[in-house]
Amino acid sequence: MFEEKVGIITGGTSGIGLATAELLAKEGMHVVIASRNSEKGEEALSRLKKWSPRSLFIKTDVTNSQDVKNLVNQTYSLYIWKN
């Protein structure tokens, strides 16, 4: 359903964010999860890679505009521009 689509999930390391990321990964989407917690981010990413091997974790503090710009720019350059 979502093959070759890319989704950015903020707060994707736990709760509703992680559940959403897992659902989208199972449907074939490349998922980028964003969170401040690197340890939880890597744990969540290992779960997602079962369904979506090109998924990615990017450490991001959504209250920091530069972090958010970095998240979007990295996602764009990895999935959109070079796809």
C-alpha atoms as a PDB file:
ATOM      1  CA  MET A   1       0.000   0.000   0.000  1.00  0.00           C
ATOM      2  CA  PHE A   2       2.755   2.486   0.940  1.00  0.00           C
ATOM      3  CA  GLU A   3       5.670   1.029  -1.010  1.00  0.00           C
ATOM      4  CA  GLU A   4       8.298   3.652  -1.848  1.00  0.00           C
ATOM      5  CA  LYS A   5       6.574   6.233   0.360  1.00  0.00           C
ATOM      6  CA  VAL A   6       8.433   7.956   3.198  1.00  0.00           C
ATOM      7  CA  GLY A   7       6.999   9.019   6.533  1.00  0.00           C
ATOM      8  CA  ILE A   8       8.514  11.073   9.346  1.00  0.00           C
ATOM      9  CA  ILE A   9       7.211  10.146  12.787  1.00  0.00           C
ATOM     10  CA  THR A  10       8.154  12.455  15.648  1.00  0.00           C
ATOM     11  CA  GLY A  11       8.042  10.769  19.027  1.00  0.00           C
ATOM     12  CA  GLY A  12       8.455   7.505  17.160  1.00  0.00           C
ATOM     13  CA  THR A  13      10.294   5.665  19.924  1.00  0.00           C
ATOM     14  CA  SER A  14       7.352   4.813  22.165  1.00  0.00           C
ATOM     15  CA  GLY A  15       3.599   4.855  22.585  1.00  0.00           C
ATOM     16  CA  ILE A  16       1.383   6.011  19.743  1.00  0.00           C
ATOM     17  CA  GLY A  17       4.375   7.221  17.717  1.00  0.00           C
ATOM     18  CA  LEU A  18       6.068   3.825  17.761  1.00  0.00           C
ATOM     19  CA  ALA A  19       2.798   2.009  17.065  1.00  0.00           C
ATOM     20  CA  THR A  20       2.202   4.285  14.072  1.00  0.00           C
ATOM     21  CA  ALA A  21       5.760   3.788  12.812  1.00  0.00           C
ATOM     22  CA  GLU A  22       5.401   0.004  13.092  1.00  0.00           C
ATOM     23  CA  LEU A  23       2.058   0.006  11.258  1.00  0.00           C
ATOM     24  CA  LEU A  24       3.456   2.095   8.408  1.00  0.00           C
ATOM     25  CA  ALA A  25       6.613  -0.031   8.186  1.00  0.00           C
ATOM     26  CA  LYS A  26       4.492  -3.188   8.000  1.00  0.00           C
ATOM     27  CA  GLU A  27       2.607  -1.588   5.098  1.00  0.00           C
ATOM     28  CA  GLY A  28       5.873  -1.025   3.221  1.00  0.00           C
ATOM     29  CA  MET A  29       6.657   2.607   4.014  1.00  0.00           C
ATOM     30  CA  HIS A  30      10.201   3.826   4.655  1.00  0.00           C
ATOM     31  CA  VAL A  31       9.906   5.302   8.147  1.00  0.00           C
ATOM     32  CA  VAL A  32      12.079   7.983   9.692  1.00  0.00           C
ATOM     33  CA  ILE A  33      11.613   8.161  13.442  1.00  0.00           C
ATOM     34  CA  ALA A  34      12.644  11.257  15.338  1.00  0.00           C
ATOM     35  CA  SER A  35      13.243  11.543  19.058  1.00  0.00           C
ATOM     36  CA  ARG A  36      15.611  13.132  21.564  1.00  0.00           C
ATOM     37  CA  ASN A  37      16.503   9.770  23.096  1.00  0.00           C
ATOM     38  CA  SER A  38      19.183   8.004  21.032  1.00  0.00           C
ATOM     39  CA  GLU A  39      19.026   4.743  22.976  1.00  0.00           C
ATOM     40  CA  LYS A  40      15.268   4.381  22.524  1.00  0.00           C
ATOM     41  CA  GLY A  41      15.638   5.517  18.929  1.00  0.00           C
ATOM     42  CA  GLU A  42      18.066   2.742  18.090  1.00  0.00           C
ATOM     43  CA  GLU A  43      15.869   0.163  19.871  1.00  0.00           C
ATOM     44  CA  ALA A  44      12.791   1.303  17.947  1.00  0.00           C
ATOM     45  CA  LEU A  45      14.723   1.334  14.687  1.00  0.00           C
ATOM     46  CA  SER A  46      15.795  -2.277  15.141  1.00  0.00           C
ATOM     47  CA  ARG A  47      12.112  -3.229  15.455  1.00  0.00           C
ATOM     48  CA  LEU A  48      11.148  -1.297  12.321  1.00  0.00           C
ATOM     49  CA  LYS A  49      13.913  -2.743  10.179  1.00  0.00           C
ATOM     50  CA  LYS A  50      12.183  -6.152  10.282  1.00  0.00           C
ATOM     51  CA  TRP A  51       9.545  -4.743   7.946  1.00  0.00           C
ATOM     52  CA  SER A  52      11.256  -1.728   6.440  1.00  0.00           C
ATOM     53  CA  PRO A  53      15.041  -2.186   6.099  1.00  0.00           C
ATOM     54  CA  ARG A  54      15.609   1.369   4.832  1.00  0.00           C
ATOM     55  CA  SER A  55      14.024   2.975   7.886  1.00  0.00           C
ATOM     56  CA  LEU A  56      16.097   5.461   9.844  1.00  0.00           C
ATOM     57  CA  PHE A  57      16.394   7.113  13.246  1.00  0.00           C
ATOM     58  CA  ILE A  58      17.447  10.766  13.443  1.00  0.00           C
ATOM     59  CA  LYS A  59      18.028  12.322  16.850  1.00  0.00           C
ATOM     60  CA  THR A  60      15.767  15.376  16.909  1.00  0.00           C
ATOM     61  CA  ASP A  61      14.486  17.833  19.476  1.00  0.00           C
ATOM     62  CA  VAL A  62      11.307  19.183  17.891  1.00  0.00           C
ATOM     63  CA  THR A  63      11.511  22.319  20.045  1.00  0.00           C
ATOM     64  CA  ASN A  64      14.739  23.204  18.211  1.00  0.00           C
ATOM     65  CA  SER A  65      14.050  24.575  14.727  1.00  0.00           C
ATOM     66  CA  GLN A  66      17.532  23.673  13.475  1.00  0.00           C
ATOM     67  CA  ASP A  67      17.008  20.046  14.545  1.00  0.00           C
ATOM     68  CA  VAL A  68      13.714  19.955  12.648  1.00  0.00           C
ATOM     69  CA  LYS A  69      15.324  21.444   9.535  1.00  0.00           C
ATOM     70  CA  ASN A  70      18.061  18.807   9.796  1.00  0.00           C
ATOM     71  CA  LEU A  71      15.451  16.048  10.103  1.00  0.00           C
ATOM     72  CA  VAL A  72      13.633  17.180   6.975  1.00  0.00           C
ATOM     73  CA  ASN A  73      16.826  17.844   4.996  1.00  0.00           C
ATOM     74  CA  GLN A  74      18.328  14.445   5.842  1.00  0.00           C
ATOM     75  CA  THR A  75      15.089  12.687   4.990  1.00  0.00           C
ATOM     76  CA  TYR A  76      14.814  14.528   1.701  1.00  0.00           C
ATOM     77  CA  SER A  77      18.411  13.879   0.693  1.00  0.00           C
ATOM     78  CA  LEU A  78      18.293  10.178   1.601  1.00  0.00           C
ATOM     79  CA  TYR A  79      14.927   9.193   0.217  1.00  0.00           C
ATOM     80  CA  ILE A  80      13.644  11.799  -2.204  1.00  0.00           C
ATOM     81  CA  TRP A  81      16.595  13.383  -3.941  1.00  0.00           C
ATOM     82  CA  LYS A  82      18.611  10.166  -4.424  1.00  0.00           C
ATOM     83  CA  ASN A  83      15.692   7.785  -4.815  1.00  0.00           C
END
